[in-house]
N, C-alpha and C. Protein backbone atom coordinates (compact mmCIF):
# COMPACT_ATOMS: atom_id res chain seq x y z
N GLN A 1 86.67 111.93 115.73
CA GLN A 1 87.47 112.64 114.77
C GLN A 1 88.55 111.77 114.20
N VAL A 2 88.76 111.73 112.87
CA VAL A 2 89.82 110.97 112.26
C VAL A 2 90.70 111.87 111.47
N GLN A 3 91.97 111.74 111.66
CA GLN A 3 93.02 112.53 110.90
C GLN A 3 93.76 111.59 109.97
N LEU A 4 93.91 112.01 108.72
CA LEU A 4 94.60 111.17 107.72
C LEU A 4 95.84 111.95 107.16
N VAL A 5 96.93 111.17 107.10
CA VAL A 5 98.14 111.73 106.54
C VAL A 5 98.72 110.79 105.44
N GLU A 6 98.82 111.31 104.23
CA GLU A 6 99.31 110.55 103.10
C GLU A 6 100.86 110.72 102.97
N SER A 7 101.43 109.66 102.43
CA SER A 7 102.87 109.69 102.08
C SER A 7 103.13 108.80 100.94
N GLY A 8 104.29 108.86 100.42
CA GLY A 8 104.71 107.99 99.35
C GLY A 8 104.65 108.46 97.92
N GLY A 9 104.20 109.72 97.76
CA GLY A 9 104.15 110.31 96.40
C GLY A 9 105.56 110.66 95.97
N GLY A 10 105.64 111.04 94.70
CA GLY A 10 106.96 111.39 94.12
C GLY A 10 106.92 111.42 92.65
N LEU A 11 108.08 111.44 92.08
CA LEU A 11 108.35 111.46 90.63
C LEU A 11 108.82 110.11 90.18
N VAL A 12 108.14 109.57 89.12
CA VAL A 12 108.54 108.28 88.64
C VAL A 12 108.37 108.25 87.12
N GLN A 13 109.07 107.41 86.52
CA GLN A 13 108.99 107.33 85.05
C GLN A 13 107.84 106.44 84.63
N THR A 14 107.41 106.60 83.37
CA THR A 14 106.38 105.77 82.82
C THR A 14 106.73 104.28 83.03
N GLY A 15 105.78 103.54 83.48
CA GLY A 15 105.96 102.07 83.74
C GLY A 15 106.48 101.80 85.14
N GLY A 16 106.82 102.76 85.93
CA GLY A 16 107.29 102.59 87.25
C GLY A 16 106.19 102.31 88.23
N SER A 17 106.57 102.23 89.50
CA SER A 17 105.61 101.92 90.59
C SER A 17 105.86 102.86 91.77
N LEU A 18 104.72 103.09 92.47
CA LEU A 18 104.81 103.80 93.71
C LEU A 18 103.80 103.16 94.63
N ARG A 19 104.10 103.23 95.92
CA ARG A 19 103.10 102.84 96.95
C ARG A 19 102.76 104.02 97.87
N LEU A 20 101.50 104.37 97.85
CA LEU A 20 101.01 105.41 98.71
C LEU A 20 100.55 104.83 100.01
N SER A 21 100.77 105.54 101.11
CA SER A 21 100.27 105.19 102.40
C SER A 21 99.48 106.27 102.96
N CYS A 22 98.42 105.91 103.75
CA CYS A 22 97.65 106.80 104.47
C CYS A 22 97.48 106.35 105.88
N THR A 23 98.02 107.11 106.79
CA THR A 23 98.00 106.68 108.15
C THR A 23 96.95 107.47 108.93
N ALA A 24 96.09 106.78 109.67
CA ALA A 24 95.01 107.38 110.37
C ALA A 24 95.18 107.52 111.84
N SER A 25 94.51 108.47 112.45
CA SER A 25 94.51 108.58 113.91
C SER A 25 93.09 108.73 114.28
N GLY A 26 92.73 108.24 115.43
CA GLY A 26 91.33 108.31 115.90
C GLY A 26 90.74 106.91 116.11
N PRO A 27 89.70 106.85 116.89
CA PRO A 27 89.19 105.56 117.23
C PRO A 27 88.36 104.92 116.13
N THR A 28 88.20 103.66 116.22
CA THR A 28 87.32 102.84 115.36
C THR A 28 87.60 103.00 113.90
N PHE A 29 88.85 103.28 113.51
CA PHE A 29 89.12 103.48 112.10
C PHE A 29 88.74 102.28 111.25
N GLY A 30 88.81 101.08 111.86
CA GLY A 30 88.46 99.88 111.10
C GLY A 30 87.01 99.84 110.59
N GLN A 31 86.16 100.67 111.26
CA GLN A 31 84.70 100.69 110.84
C GLN A 31 84.43 101.70 109.68
N TYR A 32 85.45 102.41 109.20
CA TYR A 32 85.22 103.32 108.12
C TYR A 32 85.60 102.69 106.81
N ALA A 33 84.88 103.11 105.79
CA ALA A 33 85.28 102.78 104.45
C ALA A 33 86.41 103.76 104.07
N VAL A 34 87.24 103.47 103.19
CA VAL A 34 88.33 104.33 102.77
C VAL A 34 88.37 104.46 101.31
N GLY A 35 88.91 105.53 100.80
CA GLY A 35 88.99 105.77 99.37
C GLY A 35 90.26 106.53 99.05
N TRP A 36 90.77 106.32 97.85
CA TRP A 36 91.79 107.15 97.29
C TRP A 36 91.24 107.88 96.10
N PHE A 37 91.35 109.16 96.12
CA PHE A 37 90.89 110.00 95.11
C PHE A 37 92.15 110.67 94.50
N ARG A 38 91.99 111.26 93.32
CA ARG A 38 93.01 112.02 92.69
C ARG A 38 92.46 113.16 91.95
N GLN A 39 93.25 114.25 91.79
CA GLN A 39 92.88 115.39 91.11
C GLN A 39 94.02 115.93 90.30
N ALA A 40 93.84 115.91 88.98
CA ALA A 40 94.86 116.49 88.09
C ALA A 40 94.49 117.91 87.73
N PRO A 41 95.51 118.71 87.39
CA PRO A 41 95.31 120.12 87.09
C PRO A 41 94.16 120.31 86.10
N GLY A 42 93.25 121.14 86.45
CA GLY A 42 92.14 121.48 85.56
C GLY A 42 91.02 120.44 85.46
N LYS A 43 91.21 119.40 86.32
CA LYS A 43 90.13 118.29 86.31
C LYS A 43 89.49 118.20 87.64
N GLU A 44 88.35 117.51 87.65
CA GLU A 44 87.63 117.29 88.85
C GLU A 44 88.33 116.15 89.63
N ARG A 45 88.15 116.16 90.92
CA ARG A 45 88.61 115.09 91.77
C ARG A 45 87.81 113.81 91.48
N GLU A 46 88.50 112.68 91.29
CA GLU A 46 87.80 111.45 90.96
C GLU A 46 88.21 110.32 91.93
N LEU A 47 87.32 109.41 92.10
CA LEU A 47 87.63 108.19 92.91
C LEU A 47 88.47 107.25 92.14
N VAL A 48 89.57 106.85 92.68
CA VAL A 48 90.50 105.92 92.01
C VAL A 48 90.25 104.51 92.55
N ALA A 49 90.13 104.37 93.86
CA ALA A 49 89.97 103.02 94.44
C ALA A 49 89.34 103.25 95.83
N GLY A 50 88.55 102.24 96.27
CA GLY A 50 87.89 102.34 97.56
C GLY A 50 87.79 100.95 98.16
N MET A 51 87.63 100.94 99.46
CA MET A 51 87.50 99.68 100.19
C MET A 51 86.57 99.89 101.35
N SER A 52 85.67 98.91 101.60
CA SER A 52 84.83 99.02 102.70
C SER A 52 85.54 98.58 104.04
N TRP A 53 84.79 98.68 105.14
CA TRP A 53 85.49 98.24 106.39
C TRP A 53 85.95 96.84 106.41
N PHE A 54 87.00 96.55 107.05
CA PHE A 54 87.60 95.25 107.06
C PHE A 54 87.89 94.65 105.72
N GLY A 55 87.97 95.48 104.70
CA GLY A 55 88.33 95.03 103.33
C GLY A 55 87.40 94.11 102.75
N VAL A 56 86.11 94.11 103.13
CA VAL A 56 85.13 93.16 102.55
C VAL A 56 84.88 93.42 101.05
N ARG A 57 84.77 94.68 100.73
CA ARG A 57 84.48 95.09 99.33
C ARG A 57 85.53 96.07 98.90
N SER A 58 85.83 96.03 97.60
CA SER A 58 86.74 97.03 96.98
C SER A 58 86.24 97.35 95.60
N LEU A 59 86.66 98.50 95.06
CA LEU A 59 86.32 98.85 93.70
C LEU A 59 87.36 99.73 93.15
N TYR A 60 87.43 99.78 91.82
CA TYR A 60 88.48 100.61 91.17
C TYR A 60 87.89 101.31 89.97
N ALA A 61 88.44 102.46 89.69
CA ALA A 61 88.06 103.14 88.41
C ALA A 61 88.59 102.33 87.24
N ASP A 62 87.86 102.35 86.18
CA ASP A 62 88.27 101.60 84.98
C ASP A 62 89.64 101.91 84.51
N THR A 63 90.08 103.17 84.71
CA THR A 63 91.35 103.59 84.24
C THR A 63 92.56 103.01 85.03
N VAL A 64 92.25 102.43 86.17
CA VAL A 64 93.41 101.89 86.97
C VAL A 64 93.26 100.42 87.23
N LYS A 65 92.16 99.83 86.80
CA LYS A 65 92.00 98.36 87.04
C LYS A 65 93.13 97.54 86.52
N GLY A 66 93.61 96.63 87.34
CA GLY A 66 94.75 95.82 86.88
C GLY A 66 96.06 96.42 87.18
N ARG A 67 96.07 97.76 87.52
CA ARG A 67 97.34 98.39 87.74
C ARG A 67 97.49 98.88 89.21
N PHE A 68 96.41 99.21 89.81
CA PHE A 68 96.39 99.79 91.19
C PHE A 68 95.72 98.72 92.10
N THR A 69 96.20 98.66 93.33
CA THR A 69 95.64 97.81 94.37
C THR A 69 95.52 98.53 95.65
N ILE A 70 94.34 98.56 96.20
CA ILE A 70 94.10 99.16 97.54
C ILE A 70 94.05 98.10 98.57
N SER A 71 94.67 98.40 99.71
CA SER A 71 94.66 97.46 100.83
C SER A 71 94.68 98.24 102.13
N ARG A 72 94.32 97.58 103.20
CA ARG A 72 94.33 98.24 104.46
C ARG A 72 94.80 97.32 105.61
N ASP A 73 95.48 97.91 106.54
CA ASP A 73 95.90 97.16 107.70
C ASP A 73 95.30 97.92 108.92
N ASN A 74 94.17 97.43 109.36
CA ASN A 74 93.43 98.15 110.41
C ASN A 74 94.24 98.17 111.72
N ALA A 75 94.99 97.18 112.03
CA ALA A 75 95.84 97.15 113.22
C ALA A 75 96.79 98.29 113.24
N LYS A 76 97.31 98.61 112.08
CA LYS A 76 98.26 99.71 111.94
C LYS A 76 97.58 101.01 111.53
N MET A 77 96.27 100.94 111.33
CA MET A 77 95.50 102.10 110.93
C MET A 77 96.07 102.79 109.67
N THR A 78 96.34 101.93 108.74
CA THR A 78 96.95 102.43 107.51
C THR A 78 96.29 101.86 106.23
N VAL A 79 96.19 102.66 105.24
CA VAL A 79 95.62 102.31 103.96
C VAL A 79 96.68 102.43 102.95
N PHE A 80 96.80 101.49 102.06
CA PHE A 80 97.82 101.54 100.95
C PHE A 80 97.18 101.63 99.58
N LEU A 81 97.93 102.25 98.68
CA LEU A 81 97.55 102.16 97.27
C LEU A 81 98.84 101.84 96.45
N GLN A 82 98.87 100.57 96.05
CA GLN A 82 100.01 100.16 95.25
C GLN A 82 99.70 100.48 93.77
N MET A 83 100.64 101.26 93.23
CA MET A 83 100.34 101.70 91.83
C MET A 83 101.49 101.21 91.00
N ASN A 84 101.11 100.34 89.99
CA ASN A 84 102.08 99.75 89.08
C ASN A 84 101.84 100.22 87.67
N ASN A 85 102.84 100.05 86.87
CA ASN A 85 102.74 100.40 85.39
C ASN A 85 102.16 101.86 85.24
N LEU A 86 102.75 102.74 85.93
CA LEU A 86 102.21 104.17 85.97
C LEU A 86 102.31 104.82 84.60
N LYS A 87 101.36 105.65 84.31
CA LYS A 87 101.29 106.36 83.04
C LYS A 87 101.31 107.87 83.31
N PRO A 88 101.71 108.66 82.33
CA PRO A 88 101.63 110.07 82.50
C PRO A 88 100.26 110.66 82.97
N GLU A 89 99.22 109.98 82.47
CA GLU A 89 97.89 110.48 82.85
C GLU A 89 97.49 110.13 84.25
N ASP A 90 98.38 109.36 85.04
CA ASP A 90 98.16 109.16 86.47
C ASP A 90 98.67 110.33 87.24
N THR A 91 99.34 111.30 86.62
CA THR A 91 99.83 112.42 87.38
C THR A 91 98.75 113.20 87.98
N ALA A 92 98.77 113.42 89.29
CA ALA A 92 97.79 114.11 90.05
C ALA A 92 98.14 114.25 91.50
N VAL A 93 97.43 114.95 92.21
CA VAL A 93 97.51 114.95 93.69
C VAL A 93 96.56 113.84 94.13
N TYR A 94 97.04 112.94 94.96
CA TYR A 94 96.26 111.86 95.47
C TYR A 94 95.84 112.09 96.92
N TYR A 95 94.60 111.89 97.15
CA TYR A 95 94.04 112.14 98.47
C TYR A 95 93.47 110.82 99.05
N CYS A 96 93.66 110.67 100.32
CA CYS A 96 93.02 109.56 101.11
C CYS A 96 91.85 110.16 101.82
N ALA A 97 90.75 109.32 101.91
CA ALA A 97 89.50 109.80 102.53
C ALA A 97 88.88 108.61 103.31
N ALA A 98 88.16 109.00 104.34
CA ALA A 98 87.43 107.99 105.18
C ALA A 98 85.97 108.39 105.27
N SER A 99 85.17 107.30 105.17
CA SER A 99 83.71 107.52 105.26
C SER A 99 83.12 106.70 106.41
N LYS A 100 82.09 107.28 107.08
CA LYS A 100 81.36 106.52 108.17
C LYS A 100 80.46 105.49 107.53
N LEU A 101 80.26 105.55 106.24
CA LEU A 101 79.43 104.51 105.56
C LEU A 101 80.25 103.29 105.34
N GLY A 102 80.72 102.66 106.45
CA GLY A 102 81.66 101.60 106.42
C GLY A 102 81.36 100.34 105.63
N ARG A 103 80.04 100.05 105.55
CA ARG A 103 79.60 98.76 104.95
C ARG A 103 79.71 98.76 103.42
N GLN A 104 79.81 99.94 102.83
CA GLN A 104 79.90 100.01 101.35
C GLN A 104 81.12 100.74 100.98
N VAL A 105 81.22 100.98 99.68
CA VAL A 105 82.35 101.83 99.17
C VAL A 105 81.68 103.06 98.55
N PRO A 106 81.61 104.17 99.29
CA PRO A 106 80.99 105.30 98.77
C PRO A 106 81.68 105.80 97.49
N LEU A 107 80.84 106.25 96.53
CA LEU A 107 81.37 106.63 95.18
C LEU A 107 81.59 108.14 95.06
N VAL A 108 80.98 108.95 95.87
CA VAL A 108 81.03 110.44 95.72
C VAL A 108 81.72 111.02 96.85
N GLN A 109 82.36 112.15 96.61
CA GLN A 109 83.18 112.84 97.56
C GLN A 109 82.35 113.22 98.81
N SER A 110 81.07 113.61 98.60
CA SER A 110 80.27 114.15 99.68
C SER A 110 79.92 113.04 100.73
N GLU A 111 80.21 111.84 100.36
CA GLU A 111 79.94 110.72 101.35
C GLU A 111 81.12 110.43 102.21
N TYR A 112 82.24 111.09 101.96
CA TYR A 112 83.43 110.91 102.78
C TYR A 112 83.53 112.05 103.79
N ASP A 113 83.88 111.62 104.99
CA ASP A 113 83.79 112.57 106.10
C ASP A 113 85.14 113.18 106.49
N TYR A 114 86.20 112.49 106.15
CA TYR A 114 87.59 112.97 106.50
C TYR A 114 88.47 112.84 105.33
N TRP A 115 89.39 113.86 105.26
CA TRP A 115 90.33 113.93 104.08
C TRP A 115 91.71 114.21 104.60
N GLY A 116 92.66 113.58 103.84
CA GLY A 116 94.10 113.98 104.03
C GLY A 116 94.40 115.25 103.18
N GLN A 117 95.62 115.68 103.37
CA GLN A 117 96.11 116.83 102.69
C GLN A 117 96.55 116.59 101.25
N GLY A 118 96.82 115.35 100.92
CA GLY A 118 97.15 114.98 99.54
C GLY A 118 98.65 114.82 99.40
N THR A 119 98.97 113.99 98.44
CA THR A 119 100.42 113.78 98.03
C THR A 119 100.50 113.80 96.55
N GLN A 120 101.60 114.43 96.02
CA GLN A 120 101.75 114.60 94.65
C GLN A 120 102.40 113.38 94.00
N VAL A 121 101.77 112.92 92.90
CA VAL A 121 102.40 111.84 92.10
C VAL A 121 102.60 112.45 90.66
N THR A 122 103.81 112.34 90.18
CA THR A 122 104.16 112.82 88.90
C THR A 122 104.80 111.72 88.09
N VAL A 123 104.19 111.43 86.94
CA VAL A 123 104.74 110.40 86.10
C VAL A 123 105.30 110.97 84.80
N SER A 124 106.61 110.85 84.60
CA SER A 124 107.23 111.47 83.41
C SER A 124 107.19 110.49 82.26
N SER A 125 107.13 111.07 81.04
CA SER A 125 107.05 110.24 79.90
C SER A 125 108.46 110.00 79.30
């Protein structure tokens, strides 16, 4: 069993930065793929960034490429999402998720086994 707790959300102005953290508990976290999803009001949850085990592979949604960076520190059992040049359309609840399909970066929610509670990110114009 893996438990995930996100932190680092908040209110920021357009162009600002935030770093989200996701701290995990449970054995063998390093063998899980991890993903950051977001859900804006009235919209479906979408994958923003993902990383395979040990950081071998990573991917980003087109809307955040060049602005967001996912990283992980398996020793500290923590995953990060550095978000730069934030835009109002980045406003959403951000969720951290972990998948047993560690060798790849799963693209769909159903392939993730564990989820955090989410953290709100609000970007003001």
